[in-house]
C-alpha atoms as a PDB file:
ATOM      1  CA  LEU A   1      65.417  97.961  99.179  1.00  0.00           C
ATOM      2  CA  GLY A   2      63.911  95.222  97.056  1.00  0.00           C
ATOM      3  CA  ASN A   3      65.051  92.575  99.522  1.00  0.00           C
ATOM      4  CA  ILE A   4      63.405  94.190 102.547  1.00  0.00           C
ATOM      5  CA  LYS A   5      60.182  94.681 100.559  1.00  0.00           C
ATOM      6  CA  GLU A   6      60.173  90.968  99.782  1.00  0.00           C
ATOM      7  CA  VAL A   7      60.819  90.106 103.430  1.00  0.00           C
ATOM      8  CA  LYS A   8      58.002  92.429 104.504  1.00  0.00           C
ATOM      9  CA  ALA A   9      55.584  90.725 102.133  1.00  0.00           C
ATOM     10  CA  GLN A  10      56.579  87.321 103.519  1.00  0.00           C
ATOM     11  CA  VAL A  11      56.044  88.303 107.156  1.00  0.00           C
ATOM     12  CA  GLN A  12      53.229  90.860 106.821  1.00  0.00           C
ATOM     13  CA  ASP A  13      50.777  88.791 108.891  1.00  0.00           C
ATOM     14  CA  ASN A  14      53.283  88.687 111.734  1.00  0.00           C
ATOM     15  CA  LEU A  15      54.059  92.387 111.427  1.00  0.00           C
ATOM     16  CA  ASP A  16      50.356  93.176 111.662  1.00  0.00           C
ATOM     17  CA  GLN A  17      50.364  91.712 115.186  1.00  0.00           C
ATOM     18  CA  ILE A  18      52.734  94.461 116.384  1.00  0.00           C
ATOM     19  CA  GLN A  19      50.876  97.684 117.173  1.00  0.00           C
ATOM     20  CA  ASP A  20      53.770 100.050 117.893  1.00  0.00           C
ATOM     21  CA  GLN A  21      55.154 101.407 114.608  1.00  0.00           C
ATOM     22  CA  GLU A  22      58.746 101.713 115.879  1.00  0.00           C
ATOM     23  CA  GLU A  23      58.671  98.175 117.213  1.00  0.00           C
ATOM     24  CA  LYS A  24      57.223  96.980 113.897  1.00  0.00           C
ATOM     25  CA  CYS A  25      60.088  98.654 112.011  1.00  0.00           C
ATOM     26  CA  ARG A  26      62.664  97.163 114.380  1.00  0.00           C
ATOM     27  CA  ALA A  27      61.165  93.708 113.899  1.00  0.00           C
ATOM     28  CA  LEU A  28      61.282  94.059 110.127  1.00  0.00           C
ATOM     29  CA  VAL A  29      64.887  95.263 110.182  1.00  0.00           C
ATOM     30  CA  GLU A  30      65.893  92.387 112.453  1.00  0.00           C
ATOM     31  CA  ILE A  31      64.183  89.690 110.385  1.00  0.00           C
ATOM     32  CA  ASN A  32      65.756  91.180 107.269  1.00  0.00           C
ATOM     33  CA  ALA A  33      69.180  91.020 108.935  1.00  0.00           C
ATOM     34  CA  ARG A  34      68.525  87.396 109.900  1.00  0.00           C
ATOM     35  CA  ASN A  35      67.560  86.565 106.326  1.00  0.00           C
ATOM     36  CA  SER A  36      70.739  88.269 105.110  1.00  0.00           C
ATOM     37  CA  VAL A  37      72.852  86.168 107.481  1.00  0.00           C
ATOM     38  CA  LEU A  38      71.169  83.014 106.201  1.00  0.00           C
ATOM     39  CA  THR A  39      71.568  84.064 102.557  1.00  0.00           C
ATOM     40  CA  VAL A  40      75.301  84.592 103.002  1.00  0.00           C
ATOM     41  CA  ALA A  41      75.632  81.359 104.989  1.00  0.00           C
ATOM     42  CA  LYS A  42      73.889  79.354 102.237  1.00  0.00           C
ATOM     43  CA  SER A  43      76.207  80.669  99.551  1.00  0.00           C
ATOM     44  CA  PRO A  44      78.550  78.273  97.750  1.00  0.00           C
ATOM     45  CA  ILE A  45      81.501  80.427  98.857  1.00  0.00           C
ATOM     46  CA  MET A  46      80.716  79.898 102.543  1.00  0.00           C
ATOM     47  CA  LYS A  47      79.986  76.218 102.052  1.00  0.00           C
ATOM     48  CA  ALA A  48      83.350  75.752 100.349  1.00  0.00           C
ATOM     49  CA  ALA A  49      85.166  77.733 103.051  1.00  0.00           C
ATOM     50  CA  TRP A  50      83.683  75.606 105.814  1.00  0.00           C
ATOM     51  CA  GLU A  51      84.444  72.406 103.907  1.00  0.00           C
ATOM     52  CA  ARG A  52      88.096  73.539 103.721  1.00  0.00           C
ATOM     53  CA  GLY A  53      88.051  73.998 107.481  1.00  0.00           C
ATOM     54  CA  GLN A  54      88.261  77.788 107.366  1.00  0.00           C
ATOM     55  CA  LYS A  55      86.992  79.499 110.486  1.00  0.00           C
ATOM     56  CA  VAL A  56      84.516  82.022 109.133  1.00  0.00           C
ATOM     57  CA  GLU A  57      81.612  83.322 111.188  1.00  0.00           C
ATOM     58  CA  ILE A  58      78.642  85.325 109.943  1.00  0.00           C
ATOM     59  CA  VAL A  59      77.098  87.588 112.569  1.00  0.00           C
ATOM     60  CA  GLY A  60      73.829  89.509 112.315  1.00  0.00           C
ATOM     61  CA  LEU A  61      74.148  93.136 113.355  1.00  0.00           C
ATOM     62  CA  VAL A  62      71.763  96.080 113.188  1.00  0.00           C
ATOM     63  CA  TYR A  63      72.627  99.763 113.328  1.00  0.00           C
ATOM     64  CA  ASP A  64      70.165 101.745 115.444  1.00  0.00           C
ATOM     65  CA  ILE A  65      69.877 105.134 113.785  1.00  0.00           C
ATOM     66  CA  GLN A  66      68.324 106.693 116.911  1.00  0.00           C
ATOM     67  CA  THR A  67      71.078 105.677 119.329  1.00  0.00           C
ATOM     68  CA  GLY A  68      73.996 105.373 116.927  1.00  0.00           C
ATOM     69  CA  LEU A  69      74.743 101.939 118.344  1.00  0.00           C
ATOM     70  CA  LEU A  70      75.434  98.707 116.521  1.00  0.00           C
ATOM     71  CA  GLY A  71      73.457  95.853 118.056  1.00  0.00           C
ATOM     72  CA  GLU A  72      74.166  92.155 117.817  1.00  0.00           C
ATOM     73  CA  LEU A  73      71.083  90.060 117.114  1.00  0.00           C
ATOM     74  CA  GLY A  74      72.338  86.683 118.253  1.00  0.00           C
ATOM     75  CA  TYR A  75      72.317  85.220 114.754  1.00  0.00           C
ATOM     76  CA  HIS A  76      75.699  83.538 114.418  1.00  0.00           C
ATOM     77  CA  VAL A  77      76.564  81.002 111.759  1.00  0.00           C
ATOM     78  CA  LYS A  78      80.058  79.563 111.889  1.00  0.00           C
ATOM     79  CA  ASN A  79      79.552  76.202 110.190  1.00  0.00           C
ATOM     80  CA  ALA A  80      77.042  74.038 108.343  1.00  0.00           C
ATOM     81  CA  GLU A  81      75.545  72.756 111.614  1.00  0.00           C
ATOM     82  CA  ASP A  82      74.838  76.302 112.813  1.00  0.00           C
ATOM     83  CA  LEU A  83      73.216  77.057 109.472  1.00  0.00           C
ATOM     84  CA  LYS A  84      70.998  74.002 109.764  1.00  0.00           C
ATOM     85  CA  ALA A  85      69.975  75.033 113.281  1.00  0.00           C
ATOM     86  CA  GLN A  86      69.163  78.596 112.180  1.00  0.00           C
ATOM     87  CA  LEU A  87      67.164  77.353 109.201  1.00  0.00           C
ATOM     88  CA  SER A  88      65.055  75.208 111.532  1.00  0.00           C
ATOM     89  CA  VAL A  89      63.857  78.298 113.430  1.00  0.00           C
ATOM     90  CA  ASP A  90      60.580  79.555 112.002  1.00  0.00           C
ATOM     91  CA  SER A  91      60.387  83.334 111.670  1.00  0.00           C
ATOM     92  CA  SER A  92      56.867  83.156 113.133  1.00  0.00           C
ATOM     93  CA  ALA A  93      58.372  81.950 116.403  1.00  0.00           C
ATOM     94  CA  LEU A  94      60.741  84.924 116.403  1.00  0.00           C
ATOM     95  CA  PHE A  95      57.832  87.306 115.865  1.00  0.00           C
ATOM     96  CA  ALA A  96      55.752  85.626 118.551  1.00  0.00           C
ATOM     97  CA  ALA A  97      58.567  86.213 121.040  1.00  0.00           C
ATOM     98  CA  ARG A  98      58.879  89.856 119.932  1.00  0.00           C
ATOM     99  CA  VAL A  99      55.107  90.457 120.228  1.00  0.00           C
ATOM    100  CA  ALA A 100      55.082  88.910 123.711  1.00  0.00           C
ATOM    101  CA  ALA A 101      58.035  91.065 124.779  1.00  0.00           C
ATOM    102  CA  ALA A 102      56.409  94.200 123.381  1.00  0.00           C
ATOM    103  CA  ARG A 103      53.240  93.533 125.392  1.00  0.00           C
ATOM    104  CA  SER A 104      55.188  93.110 128.641  1.00  0.00           C
END
C-alpha cells in the first residue's frame, strides 16, 4: 500500500478535481497501475531482455471489484521506444481527460 500512497500524494491536486468518490478511486487505481507498468518497464531486467531481442510486453490491467472484470488500460510497453513514449505522457494530461469524461 505504500506505493499507492506515494502515487496519491504525487497526484493529489489532480484527484481533487474529481468530485465523484468512486471515479476518484478508479483514477487513482489506474494511475497506480500505469506507474507500475512503467516501473517494471524501466527495470534492468526488462532493458536487458529487449536488448537481447526478447519479445516481452508489459500490459496494465485493473481488476474491478464491483463487476469482477479485469480491464485493460491501454498501457502497453513492448520495447524501449514504447517506454519512451509512455514516459513522455504527463499524468496531468491523463487526469484532465478523465475529468472531462466524468463531466460528460
